Protein backbone atom coordinates (compact mmCIF):
# COMPACT_ATOMS: atom_id res chain seq x y z
CA MET A 1 -48.67 -18.28 214.02
CA LEU A 2 -51.51 -20.15 212.34
CA GLY A 3 -50.38 -21.77 209.11
CA LYS A 4 -46.82 -20.43 209.20
CA ASN A 5 -45.51 -23.82 208.06
CA GLY A 6 -48.53 -24.62 205.91
CA SER A 7 -48.70 -25.70 202.29
CA LEU A 8 -48.99 -22.08 201.10
CA ALA A 9 -46.51 -20.46 203.47
CA GLY A 10 -44.77 -17.58 201.72
CA LYS A 11 -47.34 -17.50 198.91
CA THR A 12 -49.94 -14.85 198.07
CA VAL A 13 -53.52 -15.82 197.28
CA VAL A 14 -56.17 -13.38 196.06
CA VAL A 15 -59.78 -14.35 196.76
CA THR A 16 -62.94 -12.56 195.64
CA ALA A 17 -66.23 -12.81 197.51
CA GLY A 18 -69.74 -11.39 197.50
CA GLY A 19 -71.91 -9.92 194.78
CA THR A 20 -71.22 -6.83 192.72
CA GLN A 21 -73.82 -4.07 192.41
CA GLU A 22 -74.30 -2.11 189.19
CA PRO A 23 -76.05 1.24 189.79
CA LEU A 24 -79.16 2.29 187.91
CA ASP A 25 -79.30 5.54 189.85
CA PRO A 26 -78.25 6.75 193.35
CA VAL A 27 -80.83 4.41 194.95
CA LEU A 28 -81.36 1.38 192.69
CA TYR A 29 -78.88 -1.17 191.42
CA ILE A 30 -78.68 -4.52 189.64
CA GLY A 31 -77.32 -7.13 192.05
CA ASN A 32 -77.42 -10.82 192.87
CA ARG A 33 -78.06 -13.15 195.80
CA SER A 34 -74.45 -13.92 196.70
CA SER A 35 -73.81 -13.99 200.46
CA GLY A 36 -70.02 -14.14 200.26
CA LYS A 37 -69.92 -17.26 202.46
CA MET A 38 -68.02 -19.42 199.98
CA GLY A 39 -65.48 -16.71 199.29
CA PHE A 40 -64.95 -16.07 202.98
CA ALA A 41 -64.47 -19.81 203.62
CA LEU A 42 -61.87 -19.94 200.85
CA ALA A 43 -60.03 -16.90 202.20
CA GLU A 44 -59.93 -18.46 205.67
CA ALA A 45 -58.70 -21.77 204.27
CA ALA A 46 -55.93 -20.01 202.34
CA ARG A 47 -54.94 -18.07 205.47
CA ASP A 48 -54.86 -21.29 207.49
CA CYS A 49 -52.55 -22.82 204.87
CA GLY A 50 -50.09 -20.02 205.60
CA ALA A 51 -50.78 -17.80 202.60
CA ARG A 52 -50.81 -14.04 202.61
CA VAL A 53 -54.42 -13.46 201.60
CA VAL A 54 -55.91 -10.49 199.80
CA LEU A 55 -59.70 -10.67 200.05
CA ILE A 56 -61.54 -8.52 197.52
CA LYS A 57 -65.12 -8.32 198.72
CA ALA A 58 -68.24 -6.88 197.17
CA ALA A 59 -71.65 -6.95 198.94
CA THR A 60 -71.84 -9.68 201.60
CA THR A 61 -74.17 -10.66 204.44
CA ALA A 62 -71.47 -10.81 207.13
CA PRO A 63 -68.22 -9.03 208.02
CA PRO A 64 -65.02 -10.39 206.45
CA PRO A 65 -62.65 -12.78 208.25
CA LEU A 66 -59.64 -11.52 210.18
CA GLY A 67 -55.99 -12.12 209.45
CA MET A 68 -55.90 -10.88 205.86
CA THR A 69 -55.87 -7.76 203.72
CA THR A 70 -59.42 -6.80 202.77
CA VAL A 71 -60.32 -4.59 199.81
CA SER A 72 -63.95 -3.47 199.51
CA VAL A 73 -65.50 -2.87 196.08
CA THR A 74 -68.99 -2.29 194.73
CA THR A 75 -69.10 -2.69 190.96
CA ALA A 76 -67.63 -5.22 188.54
CA ALA A 77 -65.28 -2.56 187.19
CA GLU A 78 -63.98 -1.86 190.69
CA MET A 79 -63.49 -5.57 191.33
CA GLN A 80 -61.63 -5.93 188.04
CA ALA A 81 -59.29 -3.07 188.93
CA ALA A 82 -58.60 -4.54 192.37
CA VAL A 83 -58.03 -8.03 190.97
CA ASN A 84 -55.64 -6.75 188.32
CA GLU A 85 -53.69 -4.76 190.92
CA HIS A 86 -53.36 -7.45 193.56
CA SER A 87 -53.01 -10.52 191.32
CA ALA A 88 -49.99 -9.06 189.56
CA GLN A 89 -47.70 -10.38 192.31
CA ALA A 90 -49.91 -13.27 193.48
CA ASP A 91 -49.41 -17.00 193.19
CA ALA A 92 -53.11 -17.86 192.88
CA LEU A 93 -56.42 -16.14 192.19
CA ILE A 94 -59.68 -17.69 193.36
CA MET A 95 -62.69 -15.92 191.83
CA ALA A 96 -65.55 -16.88 194.14
CA GLY A 97 -67.28 -13.51 193.85
CA ALA A 98 -70.52 -13.26 191.89
CA VAL A 99 -69.75 -10.66 189.25
CA ALA A 100 -72.54 -9.09 187.22
CA ASP A 101 -72.34 -10.06 183.56
CA TYR A 102 -74.09 -6.83 182.57
CA ARG A 103 -74.38 -3.25 183.82
CA PRO A 104 -76.61 -0.33 182.83
CA GLU A 105 -75.02 1.60 179.98
CA THR A 106 -75.54 4.81 181.94
CA ALA A 107 -76.48 5.47 185.54
CA ARG A 108 -79.02 8.21 186.15
CA ASP A 109 -78.09 11.17 188.33
CA GLN A 110 -81.44 11.16 190.13
CA LYS A 111 -83.71 8.42 191.48
CA THR A 112 -85.84 6.73 188.82
CA LYS A 113 -89.48 7.70 189.34
CA ARG A 114 -92.62 5.69 188.60
CA THR A 115 -94.37 6.98 185.45
CA GLY A 116 -96.96 4.29 184.72
CA ASP A 117 -95.13 3.37 181.52
CA PRO A 118 -92.73 0.47 180.86
CA LEU A 119 -89.11 1.26 181.66
CA ALA A 120 -86.42 0.19 179.19
CA ILE A 121 -82.87 -0.09 180.46
CA ARG A 122 -80.00 -0.67 178.04
CA LEU A 123 -77.42 -3.07 179.46
CA VAL A 124 -73.84 -3.51 178.30
CA GLU A 125 -71.57 -6.47 179.01
CA ASN A 126 -68.92 -6.30 181.70
CA GLU A 127 -65.46 -7.62 180.91
CA ASP A 128 -64.59 -11.15 182.02
CA ILE A 129 -62.27 -10.57 184.97
CA LEU A 130 -60.79 -14.06 185.23
CA ALA A 131 -60.23 -14.37 181.49
CA GLY A 132 -58.22 -11.15 181.52
CA VAL A 133 -55.76 -12.34 184.17
CA PRO A 134 -52.50 -13.82 182.79
CA ARG A 135 -51.96 -17.55 183.16
CA THR A 136 -48.71 -16.99 185.02
CA LEU A 137 -50.58 -17.66 188.27
CA VAL A 138 -53.00 -20.41 189.27
CA LYS A 139 -56.49 -19.34 188.17
CA VAL A 140 -59.58 -20.77 189.85
CA GLY A 141 -63.17 -19.89 189.02
CA PHE A 142 -66.70 -20.86 189.93
CA ALA A 143 -69.64 -21.65 187.68
CA ALA A 144 -72.90 -20.92 189.49
CA GLU A 145 -75.45 -22.42 187.12
CA THR A 146 -79.14 -23.33 187.03
CA GLU A 147 -79.10 -25.64 183.98
CA ASP A 148 -76.60 -27.63 181.90
CA VAL A 149 -74.20 -27.22 184.81
CA LEU A 150 -71.31 -29.33 183.52
CA ARG A 151 -71.51 -28.14 179.93
CA ASN A 152 -71.54 -24.49 180.97
CA ALA A 153 -68.69 -25.07 183.42
CA GLU A 154 -66.59 -26.78 180.75
CA LYS A 155 -67.08 -23.76 178.49
CA LYS A 156 -65.90 -21.47 181.28
CA LEU A 157 -62.84 -23.61 181.95
CA THR A 158 -61.75 -22.98 178.37
CA SER A 159 -62.93 -19.41 177.81
CA LYS A 160 -61.44 -18.12 181.07
CA GLY A 161 -58.15 -19.98 180.71
CA ALA A 162 -58.67 -21.37 184.21
CA ASP A 163 -56.74 -24.15 185.89
CA LEU A 164 -59.80 -25.19 187.89
CA ILE A 165 -63.52 -24.47 187.72
CA PHE A 166 -65.89 -25.48 190.49
CA ALA A 167 -69.45 -25.87 189.26
CA ASN A 168 -72.52 -25.80 191.45
CA ASP A 169 -76.26 -25.81 190.82
CA VAL A 170 -77.53 -22.73 192.65
CA SER A 171 -81.15 -23.72 192.01
CA ARG A 172 -80.75 -26.43 194.67
CA PRO A 173 -81.35 -25.21 198.25
CA GLU A 174 -78.35 -27.04 199.70
CA SER A 175 -75.92 -25.48 197.22
CA GLY A 176 -77.57 -22.16 196.45
CA PHE A 177 -76.71 -18.62 197.48
CA GLY A 178 -76.76 -18.10 201.23
CA ALA A 179 -76.57 -21.80 202.13
CA ASP A 180 -73.98 -23.01 204.63
CA THR A 181 -73.32 -26.10 202.51
CA ASN A 182 -72.24 -26.64 198.93
CA ARG A 183 -72.08 -29.46 196.41
CA VAL A 184 -69.57 -28.81 193.64
CA VAL A 185 -68.01 -30.57 190.68
CA MET A 186 -64.31 -29.91 190.13
CA LEU A 187 -63.21 -29.47 186.52
CA SER A 188 -59.62 -29.20 185.36
CA ARG A 189 -57.81 -29.30 182.05
CA ASP A 190 -56.07 -32.61 182.79
CA HIS A 191 -58.68 -34.73 184.56
CA PRO A 192 -62.33 -35.74 184.10
CA PRO A 193 -64.95 -33.89 186.17
CA GLU A 194 -64.79 -34.87 189.84
CA PRO A 195 -68.02 -34.52 191.85
CA LEU A 196 -67.56 -33.71 195.53
CA PRO A 197 -70.17 -34.72 198.12
CA LEU A 198 -72.40 -32.25 199.92
CA MET A 199 -70.25 -30.59 202.57
CA ALA A 200 -70.09 -27.49 204.71
CA LYS A 201 -68.61 -24.62 202.73
CA SER A 202 -65.61 -24.62 205.07
CA GLU A 203 -64.98 -28.26 204.14
CA VAL A 204 -65.37 -27.54 200.43
CA ALA A 205 -62.90 -24.68 200.82
CA ALA A 206 -60.35 -26.97 202.49
CA VAL A 207 -60.54 -29.42 199.58
CA ILE A 208 -60.17 -26.61 197.05
CA LEU A 209 -57.14 -25.15 198.82
CA GLN A 210 -55.44 -28.55 198.88
CA ARG A 211 -55.69 -28.64 195.10
CA VAL A 212 -54.68 -25.00 194.72
CA ALA A 213 -51.62 -25.53 196.92
CA ALA A 214 -50.56 -28.52 194.81
CA LEU A 215 -50.89 -26.47 191.61
CA VAL A 216 -48.95 -23.56 193.12
CA GLN A 217 -46.13 -25.91 194.08
CA GLU A 218 -46.11 -27.47 190.61
CA ARG A 219 -46.00 -24.02 189.02
CA SER A 220 -43.15 -22.85 191.26
CA HIS A 221 -41.03 -25.87 190.31
CA ALA A 222 -41.82 -25.80 186.60
């Protein structure tokens, strides 16, 4: 069996992928450009390391990988509930999904019609999923930024209580949403930022899982 003697054999890894959708009405929603490719690559890499993988997927541009448990969600609240449920017994959580920071305060029962007047929509903040997960497991997040990439990622490392944050500039074509490649900077609490070269997302995922596996082993022997 693939990965049965791998670095994460016997461990459980939860991975999120894709973009959440926050409904305005039965037709319209607030979403993002996430393709789910990075999350899928991470889930496959964890599987190939021998882990039992729970993939929590929102909207994606392709079907999920095989060889893992897949949970489909739509909204940030649904993703939060799934993460809380499945991470309770997990060894690591990798939040690669693009979760909406805000949602409409209320969703309309009927389709929003054109009136010729400006439309005001009140938005409320979603809870920070990664920050709410206990630090008993290895916590990994992503910082998809368009400016001040490192500074914003460093803030997230602290505010989310993460072990690792991987920052990328999504305004660059080679590392943006939907690309098959990614260029990330790895941030941790114990080491200076470590830039990784431009690589295929599958290669980035392999590097990330090496580090995650090392942290899981450290945690299990602590």
